[in-house]
Protein backbone atom coordinates (compact mmCIF):
# COMPACT_ATOMS: atom_id res chain seq x y z
CA UNK A 1 115.20 -108.62 232.60
CA UNK A 2 113.27 -108.34 235.78
CA UNK A 3 110.50 -105.72 236.69
CA UNK A 4 111.62 -103.53 239.61
CA UNK A 5 108.82 -101.29 241.92
CA UNK A 6 110.31 -99.21 244.40
CA UNK A 7 107.95 -98.06 247.12
CA UNK A 8 108.08 -94.89 249.88
CA UNK A 9 105.82 -96.05 252.77
CA UNK A 10 103.31 -94.10 254.37
CA UNK A 11 103.83 -93.53 258.22
CA UNK A 12 101.18 -94.26 260.94
CA UNK A 13 99.74 -90.53 260.75
CA UNK A 14 97.61 -91.28 263.99
CA UNK A 15 100.62 -91.29 266.05
CA UNK A 16 101.49 -87.36 265.04
CA UNK A 17 97.90 -86.72 266.59
CA UNK A 18 97.26 -82.65 266.23
CA UNK A 19 100.54 -82.14 264.04
CA UNK A 20 99.33 -84.94 261.25
CA UNK A 21 97.49 -81.90 259.11
CA UNK A 22 101.51 -80.79 258.60
CA UNK A 23 102.94 -83.97 257.44
CA UNK A 24 103.63 -82.60 253.90
CA UNK A 25 104.87 -85.07 251.43
CA UNK A 26 108.49 -84.33 250.51
CA UNK A 27 110.19 -85.49 247.34
CA UNK A 28 111.58 -89.03 247.48
CA UNK A 29 114.95 -88.08 245.99
CA UNK A 30 116.57 -91.14 247.00
CA UNK A 31 114.27 -93.61 245.53
CA UNK A 32 113.92 -91.01 242.40
CA UNK A 33 117.66 -91.42 241.88
CA UNK A 34 117.99 -95.34 242.18
CA UNK A 35 115.28 -95.34 239.52
CA UNK A 36 117.25 -93.25 237.13
CA UNK A 37 120.06 -95.46 237.44
CA UNK A 38 117.62 -98.41 236.51
CA UNK A 39 116.20 -96.93 233.74
CA UNK A 40 119.63 -95.43 232.19
CA UNK A 41 120.46 -99.28 231.88
CA UNK A 42 117.38 -100.33 230.21
CA UNK A 43 115.67 -102.15 233.63
CA UNK A 44 111.62 -101.37 233.51
CA UNK A 45 110.90 -99.88 237.02
CA UNK A 46 107.98 -97.97 238.33
CA UNK A 47 107.62 -96.53 242.18
CA UNK A 48 104.98 -95.93 244.41
CA UNK A 49 104.57 -93.13 246.65
CA UNK A 50 102.15 -94.27 249.31
CA UNK A 51 103.28 -91.49 251.60
CA UNK A 52 102.27 -88.63 249.11
CA UNK A 53 99.18 -90.52 247.86
CA UNK A 54 97.85 -91.45 251.62
CA UNK A 55 97.66 -95.03 250.60
CA UNK A 56 96.90 -97.60 253.10
CA UNK A 57 98.08 -100.90 253.10
CA UNK A 58 95.66 -102.61 251.55
CA UNK A 59 95.95 -100.30 248.83
CA UNK A 60 99.36 -100.82 247.99
CA UNK A 61 99.25 -104.34 247.97
CA UNK A 62 96.62 -103.92 245.48
CA UNK A 63 98.78 -102.13 243.11
CA UNK A 64 101.77 -104.38 243.74
CA UNK A 65 99.25 -106.95 242.70
CA UNK A 66 98.68 -105.16 239.52
CA UNK A 67 101.75 -104.38 238.70
CA UNK A 68 103.50 -107.61 239.36
CA UNK A 69 106.66 -106.74 239.87
CA UNK A 70 109.81 -109.23 240.04
CA UNK A 71 111.52 -107.08 242.62
CA UNK A 72 110.07 -105.05 245.40
CA UNK A 73 112.44 -102.03 247.08
CA UNK A 74 111.09 -100.36 250.30
CA UNK A 75 112.55 -97.45 251.73
CA UNK A 76 113.06 -98.35 255.30
CA UNK A 77 113.28 -95.05 258.01
CA UNK A 78 112.84 -95.87 261.72
CA UNK A 79 109.65 -94.50 262.42
CA UNK A 80 107.83 -96.33 259.10
CA UNK A 81 110.21 -99.71 260.19
CA UNK A 82 106.83 -101.81 261.81
CA UNK A 83 105.00 -100.62 258.71
CA UNK A 84 107.87 -101.82 256.18
CA UNK A 85 107.82 -105.10 257.84
CA UNK A 86 104.45 -105.57 257.87
CA UNK A 87 104.12 -104.91 254.01
CA UNK A 88 107.15 -107.22 252.92
CA UNK A 89 105.52 -110.20 254.96
CA UNK A 90 102.23 -109.18 253.08
CA UNK A 91 104.10 -109.67 249.65
CA UNK A 92 105.63 -112.63 250.64
CA UNK A 93 102.28 -114.04 251.54
CA UNK A 94 100.63 -113.16 248.25
CA UNK A 95 103.72 -114.13 246.01
CA UNK A 96 107.11 -115.57 247.95
CA UNK A 97 108.75 -115.75 244.41
CA UNK A 98 109.14 -111.70 244.67
CA UNK A 99 112.74 -110.41 245.64
CA UNK A 100 111.86 -107.96 248.49
CA UNK A 101 114.84 -105.26 249.24
CA UNK A 102 115.07 -102.84 251.97
CA UNK A 103 117.31 -99.77 252.07
CA UNK A 104 117.73 -96.22 254.51
CA UNK A 105 119.20 -95.86 257.86
CA UNK A 106 117.20 -98.41 259.68
CA UNK A 107 117.55 -101.19 257.31
CA UNK A 108 121.10 -100.99 257.38
CA UNK A 109 121.55 -100.52 261.05
CA UNK A 110 119.61 -103.60 261.63
CA UNK A 111 120.12 -105.51 258.36
CA UNK A 112 121.43 -108.84 260.27
CA UNK A 113 118.33 -109.03 262.54
CA UNK A 114 115.80 -107.73 259.72
CA UNK A 115 116.52 -110.47 257.13
CA UNK A 116 116.81 -113.09 260.42
CA UNK A 117 113.56 -112.46 261.34
CA UNK A 118 111.45 -110.66 258.66
CA UNK A 119 110.45 -111.31 254.84
CA UNK A 120 112.99 -109.39 253.56
CA UNK A 121 115.65 -110.89 250.80
CA UNK A 122 118.03 -108.10 250.89
CA UNK A 123 119.11 -105.36 252.49
CA UNK A 124 121.31 -102.53 250.66
CA UNK A 125 123.82 -100.59 252.64
CA UNK A 126 124.67 -96.92 252.31
CA UNK A 127 124.31 -95.28 248.93
CA UNK A 128 121.92 -97.39 246.62
CA UNK A 129 122.18 -96.03 243.05
CA UNK A 130 124.69 -98.43 241.73
CA UNK A 131 124.55 -101.31 244.67
CA UNK A 132 120.84 -101.52 243.19
CA UNK A 133 121.80 -101.59 239.61
CA UNK A 134 124.12 -104.58 240.38
CA UNK A 135 121.56 -106.27 242.53
CA UNK A 136 118.85 -106.23 239.70
CA UNK A 137 121.17 -107.60 236.94
CA UNK A 138 122.83 -110.45 239.48
CA UNK A 139 119.07 -111.60 240.23
CA UNK A 140 118.15 -111.28 236.75
CA UNK A 141 121.21 -113.33 235.45
CA UNK A 142 120.94 -115.47 238.23
CA UNK A 143 124.45 -114.85 239.52
CA UNK A 144 125.95 -115.46 242.67
CA UNK A 145 125.01 -112.47 244.91
CA UNK A 146 128.11 -112.69 246.80
CA UNK A 147 129.61 -110.89 244.12
CA UNK A 148 127.46 -107.46 244.86
CA UNK A 149 129.21 -105.37 246.92
CA UNK A 150 127.32 -103.20 249.85
CA UNK A 151 124.41 -105.72 250.49
CA UNK A 152 123.27 -108.16 253.20
CA UNK A 153 121.02 -111.39 251.95
CA UNK A 154 120.20 -114.78 253.46
CA UNK A 155 121.85 -117.75 251.78
CA UNK A 156 120.21 -120.77 253.44
CA UNK A 157 120.63 -120.18 256.85
CA UNK A 158 123.39 -118.10 256.43
CA UNK A 159 123.48 -114.31 256.52
CA UNK A 160 126.26 -112.93 254.13
CA UNK A 161 127.29 -109.34 253.90
CA UNK A 162 129.37 -108.57 250.87
CA UNK A 163 131.25 -105.75 252.71
CA UNK A 164 131.11 -101.84 251.93
CA UNK A 165 130.79 -100.67 248.35
CA UNK A 166 133.62 -97.86 247.29
CA UNK A 167 131.25 -94.13 247.71
CA UNK A 168 130.40 -92.34 244.95
CA UNK A 169 132.92 -90.16 243.62
CA UNK A 170 132.00 -88.46 240.63
CA UNK A 171 128.64 -87.02 241.53
CA UNK A 172 128.34 -85.32 238.20
CA UNK A 173 128.00 -88.59 236.65
CA UNK A 174 124.64 -89.47 238.07
CA UNK A 175 121.69 -89.05 235.71
CA UNK A 176 119.09 -86.81 236.79
CA UNK A 177 116.27 -88.31 239.34
CA UNK A 178 113.46 -89.93 237.61
CA UNK A 179 110.88 -87.74 238.92
CA UNK A 180 108.51 -88.33 236.03
CA UNK A 181 107.70 -91.69 237.78
CA UNK A 182 106.57 -89.79 240.97
CA UNK A 183 103.74 -87.70 241.41
CA UNK A 184 105.77 -84.51 241.50
CA UNK A 185 103.11 -81.88 241.97
CA UNK A 186 102.02 -83.30 244.85
CA UNK A 187 104.85 -82.76 247.09
CA UNK A 188 106.11 -79.70 249.06
CA UNK A 189 108.72 -79.05 251.66
CA UNK A 190 108.08 -78.68 255.54
CA UNK A 191 105.01 -76.21 256.09
CA UNK A 192 108.04 -73.49 256.71
CA UNK A 193 109.77 -74.10 253.93
CA UNK A 194 107.34 -73.38 250.93
CA UNK A 195 107.90 -70.40 249.23
CA UNK A 196 106.11 -71.14 245.51
CA UNK A 197 104.98 -74.68 244.24
CA UNK A 198 105.32 -76.62 242.45
CA UNK A 199 109.06 -77.64 243.78
CA UNK A 200 111.57 -80.74 243.84
CA UNK A 201 114.72 -81.42 245.59
CA UNK A 202 118.06 -81.34 244.50
CA UNK A 203 121.36 -82.53 246.11
CA UNK A 204 124.37 -80.51 245.41
CA UNK A 205 126.70 -83.20 247.90
CA UNK A 206 126.68 -86.43 249.49
CA UNK A 207 127.88 -86.82 252.84
CA UNK A 208 129.04 -84.64 255.91
CA UNK A 209 132.12 -83.72 257.64
CA UNK A 210 130.81 -83.39 260.98
CA UNK A 211 129.61 -85.16 264.01
CA UNK A 212 126.64 -84.42 265.33
CA UNK A 213 125.96 -86.60 268.14
CA UNK A 214 121.90 -86.68 267.05
CA UNK A 215 122.71 -87.39 263.36
CA UNK A 216 122.69 -90.64 261.45
CA UNK A 217 123.44 -89.35 258.21
CA UNK A 218 126.83 -90.91 257.84
CA UNK A 219 125.59 -94.60 258.06
CA UNK A 220 124.15 -93.65 254.80
CA UNK A 221 125.90 -90.63 253.07
CA UNK A 222 129.49 -91.35 254.11
CA UNK A 223 132.22 -88.85 253.52
CA UNK A 224 131.55 -85.40 252.10
CA UNK A 225 131.85 -85.09 248.08
CA UNK A 226 130.27 -82.69 245.96
CA UNK A 227 129.15 -81.48 242.59
CA UNK A 228 130.47 -78.90 240.24
CA UNK A 229 128.65 -75.89 240.75
CA UNK A 230 127.80 -75.78 236.83
CA UNK A 231 126.26 -79.49 236.90
CA UNK A 232 123.96 -78.04 239.24
CA UNK A 233 123.04 -74.96 237.58
CA UNK A 234 122.19 -77.65 234.77
CA UNK A 235 119.86 -79.31 236.86
CA UNK A 236 118.24 -76.25 237.94
CA UNK A 237 117.68 -75.40 233.98
CA UNK A 238 116.35 -79.04 233.44
CA UNK A 239 113.64 -78.96 236.49
CA UNK A 240 112.39 -75.96 235.45
CA UNK A 241 112.33 -76.85 231.42
CA UNK A 242 111.09 -80.39 232.21
CA UNK A 243 108.67 -80.33 235.23
CA UNK A 244 108.03 -76.42 235.51
CA UNK A 245 109.31 -75.92 238.80
CA UNK A 246 109.06 -72.82 240.87
CA UNK A 247 110.97 -73.56 243.72
CA UNK A 248 114.20 -76.18 244.44
CA UNK A 249 114.77 -77.63 248.00
CA UNK A 250 118.62 -78.33 248.20
CA UNK A 251 118.49 -81.85 250.29
CA UNK A 252 122.46 -81.18 251.43
CA UNK A 253 122.67 -80.96 255.36
CA UNK A 254 124.88 -78.24 254.68
CA UNK A 255 124.46 -76.02 251.44
CA UNK A 256 126.49 -74.34 251.08
CA UNK A 257 129.44 -75.48 252.52
CA UNK A 258 132.63 -74.44 250.81
CA UNK A 259 132.32 -70.51 249.94
CA UNK A 260 134.08 -70.40 247.03
CA UNK A 261 131.84 -72.67 245.59
CA UNK A 262 128.90 -71.36 246.67
CA UNK A 263 129.88 -68.11 245.18
CA UNK A 264 130.60 -69.56 241.87
CA UNK A 265 127.24 -71.72 241.85
CA UNK A 266 125.40 -68.15 242.69
CA UNK A 267 126.96 -65.98 240.03
CA UNK A 268 126.50 -68.93 237.29
CA UNK A 269 122.52 -69.03 238.52
CA UNK A 270 122.77 -65.41 237.73
CA UNK A 271 124.60 -65.58 234.62
CA UNK A 272 121.94 -68.09 233.24
CA UNK A 273 119.13 -65.71 234.55
CA UNK A 274 117.66 -69.05 236.45
CA UNK A 275 117.19 -66.50 239.56
CA UNK A 276 114.53 -64.88 237.39
CA UNK A 277 112.78 -68.04 236.98
CA UNK A 278 113.07 -70.12 240.07
CA UNK A 279 113.74 -69.77 244.12
CA UNK A 280 115.77 -71.92 246.16
CA UNK A 281 115.94 -72.50 249.63
CA UNK A 282 118.67 -74.55 251.80
CA UNK A 283 119.66 -76.01 254.73
CA UNK A 284 123.22 -74.90 256.38
CA UNK A 285 125.07 -74.65 259.11
CA UNK A 286 124.92 -70.95 260.78
CA UNK A 287 129.09 -70.70 260.75
CA UNK A 288 129.10 -71.43 257.03
CA UNK A 289 127.76 -68.14 255.67
CA UNK A 290 128.73 -64.81 256.09
CA UNK A 291 127.64 -61.38 254.90
CA UNK A 292 128.66 -60.85 251.46
CA UNK A 293 127.64 -64.82 250.64
CA UNK A 294 124.18 -64.38 251.86
CA UNK A 295 124.13 -61.30 249.66
CA UNK A 296 125.30 -63.25 246.69
CA UNK A 297 122.61 -66.32 247.51
CA UNK A 298 119.53 -63.47 248.02
CA UNK A 299 120.69 -62.33 244.38
CA UNK A 300 120.64 -66.02 242.91
CA UNK A 301 117.39 -66.60 244.39
CA UNK A 302 117.65 -68.04 247.71
CA UNK A 303 114.86 -67.04 249.60
CA UNK A 304 114.87 -68.86 252.72
CA UNK A 305 117.35 -70.80 254.72
CA UNK A 306 116.89 -73.23 257.35
CA UNK A 307 119.60 -73.35 259.90
CA UNK A 308 120.13 -76.52 262.53
CA UNK A 309 120.60 -74.24 265.69
CA UNK A 310 119.53 -77.15 267.90
CA UNK A 311 119.59 -74.92 271.23
CA UNK A 312 119.94 -71.74 272.89
CA UNK A 313 122.34 -72.75 275.56
CA UNK A 314 126.31 -73.13 274.80
CA UNK A 315 126.62 -75.75 277.24
CA UNK A 316 124.54 -78.21 274.91
CA UNK A 317 125.64 -77.06 271.46
CA UNK A 318 129.05 -78.08 272.78
CA UNK A 319 127.21 -81.47 274.23
CA UNK A 320 126.09 -82.52 270.64
CA UNK A 321 129.45 -80.83 268.70
CA UNK A 322 128.05 -77.85 267.16
CA UNK A 323 130.84 -76.14 267.85
CA UNK A 324 129.81 -72.69 267.27
CA UNK A 325 128.77 -70.03 269.72
CA UNK A 326 125.27 -68.05 270.50
CA UNK A 327 127.14 -65.05 269.11
CA UNK A 328 127.81 -66.39 265.90
CA UNK A 329 124.17 -67.38 265.69
CA UNK A 330 123.02 -63.66 266.50
CA UNK A 331 125.52 -62.04 263.88
CA UNK A 332 124.40 -64.49 260.87
CA UNK A 333 120.92 -64.57 261.68
CA UNK A 334 120.80 -60.74 261.66
CA UNK A 335 123.17 -60.39 258.50
CA UNK A 336 120.54 -62.55 256.57
CA UNK A 337 117.55 -60.87 257.33
CA UNK A 338 119.30 -57.63 256.32
CA UNK A 339 119.97 -59.32 253.26
CA UNK A 340 115.92 -60.34 252.89
CA UNK A 341 116.73 -64.04 253.16
CA UNK A 342 114.17 -65.58 255.52
CA UNK A 343 115.26 -67.75 258.23
CA UNK A 344 114.09 -70.86 259.63
CA UNK A 345 115.65 -72.24 262.85
CA UNK A 346 115.65 -75.93 263.90
CA UNK A 347 115.83 -76.36 267.78
CA UNK A 348 115.92 -79.46 269.81
CA UNK A 349 114.59 -79.85 273.34
CA UNK A 350 115.39 -82.89 275.92
CA UNK A 351 118.93 -82.98 274.78
CA UNK A 352 121.60 -84.87 277.03
CA UNK A 353 121.41 -82.96 280.24
CA UNK A 354 119.25 -80.36 279.34
CA UNK A 355 117.02 -79.14 282.40
CA UNK A 356 113.19 -77.03 282.03
CA UNK A 357 115.25 -74.05 283.20
CA UNK A 358 117.60 -74.65 279.94
CA UNK A 359 114.36 -75.23 277.63
CA UNK A 360 113.63 -72.07 278.72
CA UNK A 361 116.56 -70.05 277.38
CA UNK A 362 116.47 -71.75 274.36
CA UNK A 363 112.64 -70.39 273.81
CA UNK A 364 113.65 -67.23 274.75
CA UNK A 365 116.77 -67.38 272.38
CA UNK A 366 114.73 -68.07 269.33
CA UNK A 367 112.60 -65.02 270.18
CA UNK A 368 115.65 -63.25 270.75
CA UNK A 369 117.14 -63.41 267.45
CA UNK A 370 114.00 -62.68 265.53
CA UNK A 371 113.81 -66.11 263.30
CA UNK A 372 110.58 -65.84 260.74
CA UNK A 373 110.11 -69.75 261.51
CA UNK A 374 111.31 -71.82 264.79
CA UNK A 375 110.80 -75.90 265.30
CA UNK A 376 111.42 -77.07 268.34
CA UNK A 377 111.50 -80.65 268.26
CA UNK A 378 111.92 -83.42 271.15
CA UNK A 379 115.22 -85.15 270.87
CA UNK A 380 114.86 -88.50 269.87
CA UNK A 381 118.18 -90.68 269.65
CA UNK A 382 117.46 -92.52 266.37
CA UNK A 383 119.12 -95.60 265.45
CA UNK A 384 122.91 -94.88 263.63
CA UNK A 385 123.51 -91.84 265.80
CA UNK A 386 126.07 -91.72 268.11
CA UNK A 387 123.73 -90.68 270.83
CA UNK A 388 121.87 -93.99 269.93
CA UNK A 389 124.99 -95.93 270.31
CA UNK A 390 126.15 -94.45 273.29
CA UNK A 391 122.84 -94.70 275.40
CA UNK A 392 122.64 -98.48 274.23
CA UNK A 393 126.12 -99.10 275.13
CA UNK A 394 125.66 -97.77 278.53
CA UNK A 395 122.35 -99.40 279.16
CA UNK A 396 120.34 -96.50 279.36
CA UNK A 397 118.17 -96.97 276.55
CA UNK A 398 116.03 -99.88 275.36
CA UNK A 399 112.90 -99.11 273.41
CA UNK A 400 112.34 -100.38 270.35
CA UNK A 401 109.14 -99.47 269.67
CA UNK A 402 109.91 -97.91 266.33
CA UNK A 403 106.80 -96.16 265.16
CA UNK A 404 107.03 -93.68 268.40
CA UNK A 405 110.81 -92.47 267.22
CA UNK A 406 109.17 -89.18 266.13
CA UNK A 407 110.11 -85.70 267.24
CA UNK A 408 106.02 -84.63 267.49
CA UNK A 409 104.44 -87.15 269.56
CA UNK A 410 101.56 -85.70 271.58
CA UNK A 411 100.85 -88.43 273.84
CA UNK A 412 103.31 -88.52 276.95
CA UNK A 413 102.93 -92.47 277.24
CA UNK A 414 104.62 -92.97 274.09
CA UNK A 415 106.62 -90.45 273.68
CA UNK A 416 110.84 -91.38 273.56
CA UNK A 417 112.40 -89.30 275.74
CA UNK A 418 115.90 -89.65 276.88
CA UNK A 419 116.16 -86.71 279.16
CA UNK A 420 116.88 -87.63 283.01
CA UNK A 421 115.80 -83.88 284.13
CA UNK A 422 112.55 -83.37 282.12
CA UNK A 423 109.63 -85.65 282.18
CA UNK A 424 107.78 -86.61 279.41
CA UNK A 425 104.71 -84.53 280.25
CA UNK A 426 106.87 -81.86 280.94
CA UNK A 427 108.93 -81.99 277.43
CA UNK A 428 105.47 -82.25 275.55
CA UNK A 429 104.33 -79.49 277.68
CA UNK A 430 107.53 -77.21 276.92
CA UNK A 431 107.08 -78.22 273.04
CA UNK A 432 103.36 -76.96 273.33
CA UNK A 433 104.60 -73.28 275.09
CA UNK A 434 107.64 -72.81 272.85
CA UNK A 435 105.68 -72.91 269.58
CA UNK A 436 102.83 -70.62 271.62
CA UNK A 437 105.19 -68.43 272.61
CA UNK A 438 107.15 -67.88 269.41
CA UNK A 439 104.33 -67.97 266.72
CA UNK A 440 101.53 -66.10 269.13
CA UNK A 441 103.02 -62.70 268.84
CA UNK A 442 101.45 -59.72 267.19
CA UNK A 443 105.14 -59.10 265.37
CA UNK A 444 105.36 -62.98 263.92
CA UNK A 445 101.20 -62.91 262.98
CA UNK A 446 101.60 -59.80 261.28
CA UNK A 447 105.17 -61.39 259.62
CA UNK A 448 103.37 -63.99 258.35
CA UNK A 449 100.19 -62.59 257.54
CA UNK A 450 101.50 -59.71 254.98
CA UNK A 451 105.24 -60.36 254.31
CA UNK A 452 106.16 -64.11 254.39
CA UNK A 453 102.71 -65.44 253.32
CA UNK A 454 103.98 -68.66 252.43
CA UNK A 455 101.88 -70.73 254.90
CA UNK A 456 98.45 -71.21 253.65
CA UNK A 457 95.61 -69.25 255.38
CA UNK A 458 94.11 -72.89 255.94
CA UNK A 459 97.29 -73.91 257.59
CA UNK A 460 97.75 -70.70 259.42
CA UNK A 461 94.20 -70.84 260.78
CA UNK A 462 94.59 -74.44 262.21
CA UNK A 463 97.67 -73.87 263.47
CA UNK A 464 96.70 -71.00 265.63
CA UNK A 465 93.70 -72.93 266.76
CA UNK A 466 95.71 -75.61 268.00
CA UNK A 467 97.83 -73.22 269.84
CA UNK A 468 95.06 -71.81 271.41
CA UNK A 469 92.94 -74.81 271.79
CA UNK A 470 95.60 -76.70 273.12
CA UNK A 471 97.57 -74.14 275.69
CA UNK A 472 95.43 -71.59 277.39
CA UNK A 473 96.40 -68.32 276.59
């Protein structure tokens, strides 16, 4: 059987400028899940997390040469795509017999182009667990790859797509991710989502039933499916016992999604006493929670919720198909705070149709609702999203400098900007002002120093210095 090496590539951290300090490595759940399936089926597999280890390409190549894999699988997201393509080319130059496989959103969207022009043998589309297993088995047995559903590959000069693979319906049948293959003690979450360490991720579902125009998730995860609440609780226990985890973060774009399932899960966690051994965080829509549910979540160990609020202007919320009101946001943020759950709001600036006046309203709204954390990201039309597709369709967007597709870019010359009403310079200035006005308030400073106390003093210091030096007060 062939030996497989999976790689999580590093980003070009220089692109993030002053924000690079806060680029914390997060758990590679996708690669860990694929590795678990391969291991379960007797396939030798290793993982290199170049992001977490801050490895330059030369060091990654050195490791590859030392491990002598037959197959190298690389996660390919849009900002890291140039690095991935360069790495693939260098691997092929070192050993043309190594099969190079790419997966994730960017590879899925541009599969034909990548296989035509890059040193890549196979693209895995969508969910990769069983596709990768069958691909490795087919390559090991020298079988025709046309039998493997869910891939694209080059056969002589012809590019073959084998069609869409059926989604994984029974999520409870999947093995737990192979965290033992990764430097899990280095992982955290977004700086404002760390409560305790060490922490690891868990997936309670796959897919999403919503259609937010800026999201590329449907291209990978497909329709919404969920795990049984007892199975999720079992994994909580496993992570605590096996890895001494103190915090668990749900990667689901919406957890909880169904109210009754969420209540059952919370009560199961409490029944087992796991709420006394670990804290957990999640992301969900503001209209999926209520007072009773939030109370049970707090009792079960939930300490912080990330809400994708996007804007403080209802017109813009409707434009991106969020379909909830500002009053709903106000009400449920208030409920969460009363129950002792800390709140983090994700906002986007430079949305389609946005003006500087609207951006100002979003900043004021974030301050008004008294969040514990707020993140203001510049809108980027990521490939795979409805926003990207529509802009390409009408000929208003032609950029392909993928390394600049990041939401925190301090260089206006490289900023990916889709706004017709706001210049790149103005967007960066408003992003700066938003964070300054939100965080440099006495109430917020005292809250983080004496109550929240989860951002390290070092990061707090550097954050405040950046705010003060960059934006004159």
